[in-house]
Amino acid sequence: MRNMKKTKSYFSGYSLIEMLVVLVIFTFLGIVVTQSLASSLRGTRKSENQNITKENVDYAMSVMERLLRNASDLNCATSTATRLNYTDESGRAVYFMCDGTPSAIASGSATPPVFVNLLTSASAVNITSCAGVVFACVEGVNVPDSVTITLTGQYVTTTGAEGSQVTSTSRILLRTY
């Protein structure tokens, strides 16, 4: 009996190898959880950036569509790929253009003292250095004038996995009065 007590107290507790195995298992689980959490946060940031970019591009497109549908004339001869000249419903010569640095869509339809309205947030969305803006103007014969607008916007502050790019295209027919 006496010999059994010594043996029992000698084998109680954990060995160094058992402790190392548990430590490795918990380290591995910690790495997996951390990576999945980081991936989830990156996806959330990308989704938020995509929404901000889409909202800016959609807003610019909707303002241009509304103003151009009510325009009385397109001036295709003086328009370029990054600038669209038109005559509004009041008879004023106005325009849409890609505005310099940082790139944004601007409208020349504002009243003095402000002559240019930015339609996109230059601090959040870059209109890809005006290469992503295309105004394709067509003066119709016995049909309304039309313009096809293509905008490509990119989120400014982040790059890589969290960056986002949105392209929107719309064909607009002028109302004939």
N, C-alpha and C. Protein backbone atom coordinates (compact mmCIF):
# COMPACT_ATOMS: atom_id res chain seq x y z
N MET A 1 0.79 -1.17 0.00
CA MET A 1 0.00 0.00 0.00
C MET A 1 0.86 1.27 0.00
N ARG A 2 1.84 1.24 0.73
CA ARG A 2 2.71 2.38 0.84
C ARG A 2 3.36 2.71 -0.52
N ASN A 3 3.71 1.75 -1.26
CA ASN A 3 4.35 1.92 -2.56
C ASN A 3 3.38 2.55 -3.57
N MET A 4 2.10 2.26 -3.50
CA MET A 4 1.09 2.82 -4.40
C MET A 4 0.91 4.32 -4.20
N LYS A 5 0.97 4.79 -2.98
CA LYS A 5 0.82 6.21 -2.71
C LYS A 5 1.95 7.02 -3.35
N LYS A 6 3.15 6.55 -3.29
CA LYS A 6 4.28 7.24 -3.89
C LYS A 6 4.11 7.32 -5.40
N THR A 7 3.67 6.26 -6.01
CA THR A 7 3.51 6.22 -7.46
C THR A 7 2.42 7.18 -7.89
N LYS A 8 1.34 7.24 -7.16
CA LYS A 8 0.23 8.11 -7.51
C LYS A 8 0.64 9.58 -7.43
N SER A 9 1.31 10.01 -6.44
CA SER A 9 1.73 11.40 -6.32
C SER A 9 2.82 11.73 -7.33
N TYR A 10 3.56 10.77 -7.76
CA TYR A 10 4.62 10.98 -8.73
C TYR A 10 4.04 11.29 -10.11
N PHE A 11 2.88 10.71 -10.51
CA PHE A 11 2.30 10.89 -11.84
C PHE A 11 1.21 11.96 -11.88
N SER A 12 0.89 12.60 -10.81
CA SER A 12 -0.14 13.64 -10.86
C SER A 12 0.45 14.93 -11.44
N GLY A 13 -0.41 15.72 -12.20
CA GLY A 13 0.06 16.96 -12.84
C GLY A 13 0.25 16.77 -14.34
N TYR A 14 0.74 17.83 -15.02
CA TYR A 14 0.92 17.81 -16.47
C TYR A 14 2.39 17.83 -16.82
N SER A 15 2.70 17.19 -17.92
CA SER A 15 4.09 17.18 -18.36
C SER A 15 4.35 18.40 -19.25
N LEU A 16 5.58 18.68 -19.52
CA LEU A 16 5.97 19.80 -20.36
C LEU A 16 5.46 19.63 -21.79
N ILE A 17 5.47 18.45 -22.29
CA ILE A 17 5.00 18.18 -23.66
C ILE A 17 3.49 18.44 -23.76
N GLU A 18 2.73 18.03 -22.77
CA GLU A 18 1.29 18.29 -22.79
C GLU A 18 1.01 19.79 -22.77
N MET A 19 1.73 20.54 -21.99
CA MET A 19 1.55 21.99 -21.93
C MET A 19 1.89 22.63 -23.28
N LEU A 20 2.96 22.19 -23.94
CA LEU A 20 3.34 22.74 -25.23
C LEU A 20 2.29 22.42 -26.30
N VAL A 21 1.72 21.24 -26.28
CA VAL A 21 0.68 20.86 -27.24
C VAL A 21 -0.54 21.76 -27.07
N VAL A 22 -0.96 21.99 -25.85
CA VAL A 22 -2.11 22.87 -25.58
C VAL A 22 -1.79 24.30 -26.03
N LEU A 23 -0.60 24.76 -25.75
CA LEU A 23 -0.19 26.11 -26.15
C LEU A 23 -0.20 26.26 -27.68
N VAL A 24 0.28 25.27 -28.41
CA VAL A 24 0.27 25.31 -29.88
C VAL A 24 -1.16 25.31 -30.40
N ILE A 25 -2.04 24.52 -29.84
CA ILE A 25 -3.43 24.45 -30.28
C ILE A 25 -4.11 25.80 -30.07
N PHE A 26 -3.95 26.41 -28.90
CA PHE A 26 -4.56 27.71 -28.64
C PHE A 26 -3.96 28.82 -29.50
N THR A 27 -2.67 28.76 -29.77
CA THR A 27 -2.04 29.74 -30.67
C THR A 27 -2.64 29.63 -32.06
N PHE A 28 -2.79 28.42 -32.57
CA PHE A 28 -3.37 28.20 -33.88
C PHE A 28 -4.81 28.72 -33.94
N LEU A 29 -5.60 28.44 -32.92
CA LEU A 29 -6.98 28.94 -32.87
C LEU A 29 -7.02 30.47 -32.83
N GLY A 30 -6.12 31.07 -32.09
CA GLY A 30 -6.04 32.54 -32.02
C GLY A 30 -5.72 33.15 -33.38
N ILE A 31 -4.80 32.54 -34.11
CA ILE A 31 -4.44 33.04 -35.44
C ILE A 31 -5.63 32.93 -36.39
N VAL A 32 -6.33 31.83 -36.38
CA VAL A 32 -7.49 31.63 -37.25
C VAL A 32 -8.58 32.66 -36.95
N VAL A 33 -8.87 32.88 -35.69
CA VAL A 33 -9.92 33.84 -35.31
C VAL A 33 -9.51 35.26 -35.70
N THR A 34 -8.25 35.62 -35.47
CA THR A 34 -7.77 36.96 -35.82
C THR A 34 -7.84 37.19 -37.33
N GLN A 35 -7.44 36.21 -38.13
CA GLN A 35 -7.48 36.35 -39.59
C GLN A 35 -8.92 36.49 -40.09
N SER A 36 -9.83 35.72 -39.54
CA SER A 36 -11.22 35.81 -39.99
C SER A 36 -11.84 37.15 -39.60
N LEU A 37 -11.50 37.66 -38.43
CA LEU A 37 -11.99 38.97 -38.01
C LEU A 37 -11.43 40.08 -38.89
N ALA A 38 -10.14 40.02 -39.22
CA ALA A 38 -9.52 41.03 -40.09
C ALA A 38 -10.14 40.99 -41.48
N SER A 39 -10.40 39.81 -41.99
CA SER A 39 -11.03 39.67 -43.31
C SER A 39 -12.43 40.26 -43.30
N SER A 40 -13.17 40.02 -42.25
CA SER A 40 -14.52 40.57 -42.13
C SER A 40 -14.50 42.10 -42.08
N LEU A 41 -13.58 42.69 -41.33
CA LEU A 41 -13.47 44.14 -41.25
C LEU A 41 -13.06 44.75 -42.59
N ARG A 42 -12.17 44.09 -43.32
CA ARG A 42 -11.76 44.56 -44.64
C ARG A 42 -12.95 44.56 -45.59
N GLY A 43 -13.76 43.51 -45.54
CA GLY A 43 -14.95 43.43 -46.38
C GLY A 43 -15.96 44.51 -46.05
N THR A 44 -16.10 44.83 -44.77
CA THR A 44 -17.00 45.90 -44.35
C THR A 44 -16.54 47.25 -44.87
N ARG A 45 -15.23 47.53 -44.76
CA ARG A 45 -14.68 48.79 -45.27
C ARG A 45 -14.86 48.89 -46.78
N LYS A 46 -14.64 47.79 -47.49
CA LYS A 46 -14.80 47.81 -48.95
C LYS A 46 -16.26 48.08 -49.31
N SER A 47 -17.18 47.48 -48.59
CA SER A 47 -18.60 47.70 -48.86
C SER A 47 -18.99 49.15 -48.60
N GLU A 48 -18.50 49.75 -47.52
CA GLU A 48 -18.78 51.15 -47.21
C GLU A 48 -18.21 52.06 -48.29
N ASN A 49 -16.98 51.81 -48.72
CA ASN A 49 -16.35 52.62 -49.76
C ASN A 49 -17.10 52.49 -51.08
N GLN A 50 -17.56 51.29 -51.39
CA GLN A 50 -18.33 51.06 -52.62
C GLN A 50 -19.63 51.86 -52.57
N ASN A 51 -20.30 51.87 -51.43
CA ASN A 51 -21.55 52.63 -51.29
C ASN A 51 -21.33 54.12 -51.45
N ILE A 52 -20.28 54.67 -50.84
CA ILE A 52 -19.98 56.09 -50.95
C ILE A 52 -19.70 56.45 -52.41
N THR A 53 -18.90 55.64 -53.08
CA THR A 53 -18.57 55.89 -54.48
C THR A 53 -19.81 55.83 -55.35
N LYS A 54 -20.63 54.80 -55.15
CA LYS A 54 -21.85 54.65 -55.95
C LYS A 54 -22.81 55.81 -55.71
N GLU A 55 -22.96 56.24 -54.47
CA GLU A 55 -23.84 57.37 -54.16
C GLU A 55 -23.38 58.64 -54.88
N ASN A 56 -22.07 58.91 -54.89
CA ASN A 56 -21.55 60.10 -55.55
C ASN A 56 -21.75 60.04 -57.06
N VAL A 57 -21.44 58.91 -57.66
CA VAL A 57 -21.60 58.77 -59.11
C VAL A 57 -23.08 58.84 -59.48
N ASP A 58 -23.94 58.16 -58.73
CA ASP A 58 -25.38 58.19 -59.01
C ASP A 58 -25.96 59.59 -58.86
N TYR A 59 -25.52 60.34 -57.85
CA TYR A 59 -26.01 61.70 -57.66
C TYR A 59 -25.62 62.58 -58.85
N ALA A 60 -24.35 62.51 -59.26
CA ALA A 60 -23.90 63.31 -60.40
C ALA A 60 -24.69 62.94 -61.66
N MET A 61 -24.91 61.64 -61.87
CA MET A 61 -25.66 61.20 -63.05
C MET A 61 -27.10 61.70 -62.99
N SER A 62 -27.74 61.64 -61.83
CA SER A 62 -29.14 62.06 -61.74
C SER A 62 -29.30 63.56 -61.97
N VAL A 63 -28.37 64.36 -61.45
CA VAL A 63 -28.44 65.81 -61.68
C VAL A 63 -28.24 66.10 -63.16
N MET A 64 -27.25 65.47 -63.78
CA MET A 64 -27.01 65.70 -65.20
C MET A 64 -28.20 65.25 -66.04
N GLU A 65 -28.78 64.09 -65.71
CA GLU A 65 -29.94 63.61 -66.46
C GLU A 65 -31.11 64.59 -66.36
N ARG A 66 -31.39 65.07 -65.16
CA ARG A 66 -32.51 66.00 -64.96
C ARG A 66 -32.30 67.29 -65.73
N LEU A 67 -31.11 67.86 -65.64
CA LEU A 67 -30.85 69.12 -66.33
C LEU A 67 -30.82 68.96 -67.84
N LEU A 68 -30.27 67.83 -68.31
CA LEU A 68 -30.18 67.62 -69.76
C LEU A 68 -31.52 67.27 -70.38
N ARG A 69 -32.37 66.55 -69.68
CA ARG A 69 -33.70 66.24 -70.22
C ARG A 69 -34.51 67.52 -70.46
N ASN A 70 -34.30 68.51 -69.61
CA ASN A 70 -35.02 69.77 -69.75
C ASN A 70 -34.29 70.79 -70.62
N ALA A 71 -33.10 70.45 -71.11
CA ALA A 71 -32.33 71.37 -71.95
C ALA A 71 -33.04 71.60 -73.28
N SER A 72 -32.84 72.78 -73.84
CA SER A 72 -33.47 73.08 -75.13
C SER A 72 -32.57 72.71 -76.30
N ASP A 73 -31.24 72.60 -76.06
CA ASP A 73 -30.34 72.29 -77.17
C ASP A 73 -29.01 71.78 -76.64
N LEU A 74 -28.41 70.86 -77.41
CA LEU A 74 -27.03 70.42 -77.15
C LEU A 74 -26.13 71.12 -78.14
N ASN A 75 -24.97 71.57 -77.67
CA ASN A 75 -24.00 72.21 -78.55
C ASN A 75 -22.87 71.21 -78.82
N CYS A 76 -23.17 70.22 -79.66
CA CYS A 76 -22.22 69.13 -79.91
C CYS A 76 -20.95 69.62 -80.60
N ALA A 77 -21.05 70.68 -81.41
CA ALA A 77 -19.88 71.16 -82.14
C ALA A 77 -18.81 71.69 -81.20
N THR A 78 -19.21 72.27 -80.07
CA THR A 78 -18.24 72.83 -79.12
C THR A 78 -17.96 71.91 -77.95
N SER A 79 -18.62 70.76 -77.88
CA SER A 79 -18.41 69.82 -76.77
C SER A 79 -17.20 68.94 -77.04
N THR A 80 -16.58 68.49 -75.97
CA THR A 80 -15.45 67.55 -76.07
C THR A 80 -15.81 66.31 -75.27
N ALA A 81 -14.87 65.37 -75.21
CA ALA A 81 -15.14 64.14 -74.48
C ALA A 81 -15.28 64.38 -72.98
N THR A 82 -14.64 65.43 -72.45
CA THR A 82 -14.72 65.69 -71.01
C THR A 82 -15.51 66.96 -70.67
N ARG A 83 -16.13 67.57 -71.68
CA ARG A 83 -16.96 68.75 -71.44
C ARG A 83 -18.18 68.69 -72.36
N LEU A 84 -19.34 68.95 -71.80
CA LEU A 84 -20.59 68.95 -72.57
C LEU A 84 -21.23 70.32 -72.45
N ASN A 85 -21.36 71.02 -73.56
CA ASN A 85 -22.01 72.33 -73.61
C ASN A 85 -23.46 72.13 -74.04
N TYR A 86 -24.36 72.84 -73.36
CA TYR A 86 -25.77 72.75 -73.72
C TYR A 86 -26.46 74.06 -73.37
N THR A 87 -27.67 74.22 -73.88
CA THR A 87 -28.48 75.39 -73.57
C THR A 87 -29.61 74.92 -72.66
N ASP A 88 -29.72 75.53 -71.48
CA ASP A 88 -30.75 75.08 -70.54
C ASP A 88 -32.13 75.60 -70.95
N GLU A 89 -33.14 75.24 -70.16
CA GLU A 89 -34.53 75.60 -70.50
C GLU A 89 -34.76 77.11 -70.45
N SER A 90 -33.88 77.86 -69.80
CA SER A 90 -34.00 79.32 -69.73
C SER A 90 -33.24 80.01 -70.86
N GLY A 91 -32.55 79.24 -71.69
CA GLY A 91 -31.80 79.82 -72.80
C GLY A 91 -30.37 80.19 -72.47
N ARG A 92 -29.88 79.83 -71.27
CA ARG A 92 -28.51 80.13 -70.88
C ARG A 92 -27.56 79.06 -71.42
N ALA A 93 -26.38 79.45 -71.86
CA ALA A 93 -25.35 78.51 -72.29
C ALA A 93 -24.63 78.00 -71.04
N VAL A 94 -24.73 76.73 -70.76
CA VAL A 94 -24.12 76.12 -69.58
C VAL A 94 -23.40 74.84 -70.00
N TYR A 95 -22.75 74.18 -69.05
CA TYR A 95 -21.93 73.02 -69.38
C TYR A 95 -21.80 72.07 -68.19
N PHE A 96 -21.36 70.87 -68.50
CA PHE A 96 -20.85 69.90 -67.52
C PHE A 96 -19.43 69.59 -67.94
N MET A 97 -18.56 69.41 -66.96
CA MET A 97 -17.17 69.08 -67.29
C MET A 97 -16.51 68.32 -66.16
N CYS A 98 -15.40 67.69 -66.52
CA CYS A 98 -14.54 67.07 -65.51
C CYS A 98 -13.63 68.18 -65.01
N ASP A 99 -13.62 68.40 -63.70
CA ASP A 99 -12.92 69.54 -63.11
C ASP A 99 -11.62 69.11 -62.47
N GLY A 100 -10.51 69.39 -63.08
CA GLY A 100 -9.13 69.31 -62.64
C GLY A 100 -8.74 68.48 -61.45
N THR A 101 -8.04 69.08 -60.49
CA THR A 101 -7.40 68.35 -59.42
C THR A 101 -8.01 68.71 -58.08
N PRO A 102 -8.52 67.84 -57.27
CA PRO A 102 -8.80 66.45 -57.61
C PRO A 102 -9.98 66.39 -58.58
N SER A 103 -10.03 65.37 -59.36
CA SER A 103 -11.03 65.26 -60.40
C SER A 103 -12.43 65.11 -59.82
N ALA A 104 -13.36 65.89 -60.36
CA ALA A 104 -14.76 65.86 -59.94
C ALA A 104 -15.60 66.31 -61.11
N ILE A 105 -16.88 66.00 -61.07
CA ILE A 105 -17.80 66.48 -62.09
C ILE A 105 -18.34 67.82 -61.63
N ALA A 106 -18.25 68.83 -62.52
CA ALA A 106 -18.70 70.17 -62.19
C ALA A 106 -19.77 70.62 -63.17
N SER A 107 -20.63 71.50 -62.71
CA SER A 107 -21.68 72.08 -63.54
C SER A 107 -21.48 73.58 -63.60
N GLY A 108 -21.58 74.12 -64.80
CA GLY A 108 -21.46 75.57 -64.96
C GLY A 108 -22.80 76.25 -64.95
N SER A 109 -23.78 75.63 -64.30
CA SER A 109 -25.14 76.19 -64.30
C SER A 109 -25.45 77.02 -63.06
N ALA A 110 -24.47 77.22 -62.21
CA ALA A 110 -24.70 77.99 -60.98
C ALA A 110 -24.82 79.47 -61.29
N THR A 111 -25.44 80.19 -60.39
CA THR A 111 -25.58 81.63 -60.57
C THR A 111 -24.44 82.35 -59.85
N PRO A 112 -24.06 83.54 -60.29
CA PRO A 112 -22.98 84.27 -59.63
C PRO A 112 -23.29 84.50 -58.17
N PRO A 113 -22.34 84.61 -57.26
CA PRO A 113 -20.90 84.63 -57.46
C PRO A 113 -20.28 83.25 -57.62
N VAL A 114 -21.03 82.16 -57.41
CA VAL A 114 -20.48 80.82 -57.59
C VAL A 114 -20.77 80.40 -59.02
N PHE A 115 -19.74 80.14 -59.80
CA PHE A 115 -19.95 79.80 -61.20
C PHE A 115 -19.89 78.30 -61.45
N VAL A 116 -19.31 77.54 -60.55
CA VAL A 116 -19.17 76.10 -60.77
C VAL A 116 -19.69 75.35 -59.56
N ASN A 117 -20.58 74.39 -59.79
CA ASN A 117 -21.07 73.50 -58.74
C ASN A 117 -20.39 72.15 -58.90
N LEU A 118 -19.78 71.64 -57.83
CA LEU A 118 -19.22 70.29 -57.90
C LEU A 118 -20.36 69.31 -57.64
N LEU A 119 -20.50 68.34 -58.53
CA LEU A 119 -21.56 67.35 -58.37
C LEU A 119 -21.09 66.11 -57.64
N THR A 120 -19.78 65.93 -57.54
CA THR A 120 -19.24 64.80 -56.78
C THR A 120 -18.35 65.34 -55.67
N SER A 121 -18.23 64.58 -54.60
CA SER A 121 -17.41 64.99 -53.48
C SER A 121 -15.95 64.72 -53.82
N ALA A 122 -15.19 65.76 -54.09
CA ALA A 122 -13.79 65.60 -54.49
C ALA A 122 -12.95 65.02 -53.36
N SER A 123 -13.39 65.17 -52.11
CA SER A 123 -12.62 64.63 -51.00
C SER A 123 -12.82 63.13 -50.83
N ALA A 124 -13.92 62.58 -51.35
CA ALA A 124 -14.19 61.16 -51.17
C ALA A 124 -14.07 60.36 -52.46
N VAL A 125 -14.47 60.94 -53.59
CA VAL A 125 -14.52 60.18 -54.84
C VAL A 125 -13.74 60.92 -55.91
N ASN A 126 -12.82 60.20 -56.54
CA ASN A 126 -12.03 60.74 -57.65
C ASN A 126 -12.65 60.22 -58.93
N ILE A 127 -12.93 61.10 -59.87
CA ILE A 127 -13.50 60.67 -61.14
C ILE A 127 -12.34 60.28 -62.06
N THR A 128 -11.49 59.42 -61.56
CA THR A 128 -10.36 58.81 -62.26
C THR A 128 -9.68 59.76 -63.25
N SER A 129 -9.26 60.90 -62.77
CA SER A 129 -8.49 61.90 -63.50
C SER A 129 -9.06 62.23 -64.87
N CYS A 130 -10.35 62.39 -64.94
CA CYS A 130 -11.10 62.79 -66.14
C CYS A 130 -11.03 61.78 -67.28
N ALA A 131 -10.24 60.73 -67.16
CA ALA A 131 -10.22 59.71 -68.21
C ALA A 131 -11.48 58.85 -68.11
N GLY A 132 -12.12 58.84 -66.93
CA GLY A 132 -13.32 58.04 -66.75
C GLY A 132 -14.60 58.78 -67.09
N VAL A 133 -14.49 59.99 -67.69
CA VAL A 133 -15.67 60.76 -68.05
C VAL A 133 -15.74 60.81 -69.57
N VAL A 134 -16.89 60.43 -70.10
CA VAL A 134 -17.08 60.51 -71.54
C VAL A 134 -18.46 61.09 -71.80
N PHE A 135 -18.50 62.20 -72.56
CA PHE A 135 -19.75 62.78 -73.04
C PHE A 135 -19.79 62.53 -74.54
N ALA A 136 -20.67 61.68 -75.00
CA ALA A 136 -20.83 61.41 -76.43
C ALA A 136 -22.12 62.07 -76.88
N CYS A 137 -21.98 63.20 -77.56
CA CYS A 137 -23.11 64.05 -77.93
C CYS A 137 -23.53 63.72 -79.37
N VAL A 138 -24.85 63.61 -79.60
CA VAL A 138 -25.38 63.33 -80.93
C VAL A 138 -26.53 64.28 -81.20
N GLU A 139 -26.38 65.13 -82.24
CA GLU A 139 -27.47 66.00 -82.64
C GLU A 139 -28.34 65.24 -83.63
N GLY A 140 -29.61 65.10 -83.28
CA GLY A 140 -30.51 64.31 -84.10
C GLY A 140 -31.14 65.10 -85.22
N VAL A 141 -31.48 64.38 -86.29
CA VAL A 141 -32.22 64.96 -87.41
C VAL A 141 -33.60 64.33 -87.36
N ASN A 142 -34.63 65.16 -87.14
CA ASN A 142 -36.02 64.71 -86.97
C ASN A 142 -36.20 63.81 -85.75
N VAL A 143 -35.23 63.76 -84.88
CA VAL A 143 -35.33 63.04 -83.59
C VAL A 143 -34.67 63.93 -82.54
N PRO A 144 -34.99 63.72 -81.28
CA PRO A 144 -34.37 64.57 -80.25
C PRO A 144 -32.85 64.36 -80.17
N ASP A 145 -32.15 65.44 -79.80
CA ASP A 145 -30.72 65.31 -79.54
C ASP A 145 -30.52 64.35 -78.37
N SER A 146 -29.36 63.69 -78.35
CA SER A 146 -29.09 62.76 -77.26
C SER A 146 -27.63 62.86 -76.84
N VAL A 147 -27.37 62.40 -75.64
CA VAL A 147 -26.00 62.35 -75.13
C VAL A 147 -25.85 61.08 -74.30
N THR A 148 -24.73 60.42 -74.47
CA THR A 148 -24.40 59.25 -73.66
C THR A 148 -23.30 59.67 -72.70
N ILE A 149 -23.56 59.48 -71.41
CA ILE A 149 -22.60 59.88 -70.38
C ILE A 149 -22.07 58.63 -69.70
N THR A 150 -20.76 58.55 -69.60
CA THR A 150 -20.11 57.45 -68.87
C THR A 150 -19.23 58.06 -67.79
N LEU A 151 -19.47 57.69 -66.54
CA LEU A 151 -18.67 58.16 -65.41
C LEU A 151 -18.04 56.96 -64.72
N THR A 152 -16.76 57.07 -64.41
CA THR A 152 -16.09 56.06 -63.61
C THR A 152 -15.52 56.75 -62.38
N GLY A 153 -16.02 56.38 -61.21
CA GLY A 153 -15.56 56.99 -59.96
C GLY A 153 -14.79 55.98 -59.13
N GLN A 154 -13.81 56.46 -58.40
CA GLN A 154 -12.99 55.60 -57.55
C GLN A 154 -12.85 56.24 -56.18
N TYR A 155 -12.94 55.42 -55.13
CA TYR A 155 -12.81 55.94 -53.77
C TYR A 155 -11.39 56.44 -53.56
N VAL A 156 -11.23 57.63 -52.97
CA VAL A 156 -9.94 58.31 -52.92
C VAL A 156 -9.01 57.81 -51.82
N THR A 157 -9.49 57.66 -50.61
CA THR A 157 -8.60 57.56 -49.46
C THR A 157 -7.95 56.20 -49.27
N THR A 158 -8.45 55.14 -49.86
CA THR A 158 -7.84 53.84 -49.66
C THR A 158 -7.51 53.18 -50.98
N THR A 159 -6.54 52.30 -50.92
CA THR A 159 -6.18 51.51 -52.09
C THR A 159 -6.15 50.05 -51.68
N GLY A 160 -5.94 49.20 -52.61
CA GLY A 160 -5.85 47.78 -52.30
C GLY A 160 -7.21 47.15 -52.15
N ALA A 161 -7.33 46.26 -51.19
CA ALA A 161 -8.55 45.48 -51.02
C ALA A 161 -9.76 46.34 -50.65
N GLU A 162 -9.53 47.48 -49.97
CA GLU A 162 -10.65 48.31 -49.55
C GLU A 162 -11.05 49.34 -50.61
N GLY A 163 -10.28 49.48 -51.66
CA GLY A 163 -10.61 50.44 -52.71
C GLY A 163 -11.82 49.97 -53.49
N SER A 164 -12.49 50.91 -54.16
CA SER A 164 -13.65 50.54 -54.95
C SER A 164 -13.72 51.43 -56.18
N GLN A 165 -14.30 50.88 -57.23
CA GLN A 165 -14.47 51.62 -58.47
C GLN A 165 -15.87 51.34 -59.00
N VAL A 166 -16.57 52.38 -59.43
CA VAL A 166 -17.94 52.25 -59.93
C VAL A 166 -18.02 52.95 -61.28
N THR A 167 -18.61 52.28 -62.26
CA THR A 167 -18.83 52.88 -63.57
C THR A 167 -20.33 52.93 -63.84
N SER A 168 -20.79 54.08 -64.31
CA SER A 168 -22.20 54.26 -64.62
C SER A 168 -22.32 54.87 -66.00
N THR A 169 -23.25 54.36 -66.80
CA THR A 169 -23.48 54.87 -68.16
C THR A 169 -24.97 55.14 -68.32
N SER A 170 -25.28 56.26 -68.97
CA SER A 170 -26.67 56.62 -69.21
C SER A 170 -26.79 57.33 -70.55
N ARG A 171 -27.83 57.00 -71.30
CA ARG A 171 -28.14 57.70 -72.56
C ARG A 171 -29.36 58.57 -72.28
N ILE A 172 -29.23 59.86 -72.59
CA ILE A 172 -30.26 60.83 -72.26
C ILE A 172 -30.77 61.46 -73.56
N LEU A 173 -32.07 61.43 -73.75
CA LEU A 173 -32.72 62.11 -74.87
C LEU A 173 -33.29 63.42 -74.38
N LEU A 174 -33.02 64.51 -75.10
CA LEU A 174 -33.59 65.81 -74.74
C LEU A 174 -35.07 65.81 -75.08
N ARG A 175 -35.86 66.48 -74.26
CA ARG A 175 -37.28 66.67 -74.57
C ARG A 175 -37.37 67.74 -75.64
N THR A 176 -38.20 67.53 -76.59
CA THR A 176 -38.39 68.55 -77.62
C THR A 176 -39.67 69.31 -77.31
N TYR A 177 -39.60 70.63 -77.34
CA TYR A 177 -40.74 71.47 -77.00
C TYR A 177 -41.43 71.97 -78.25
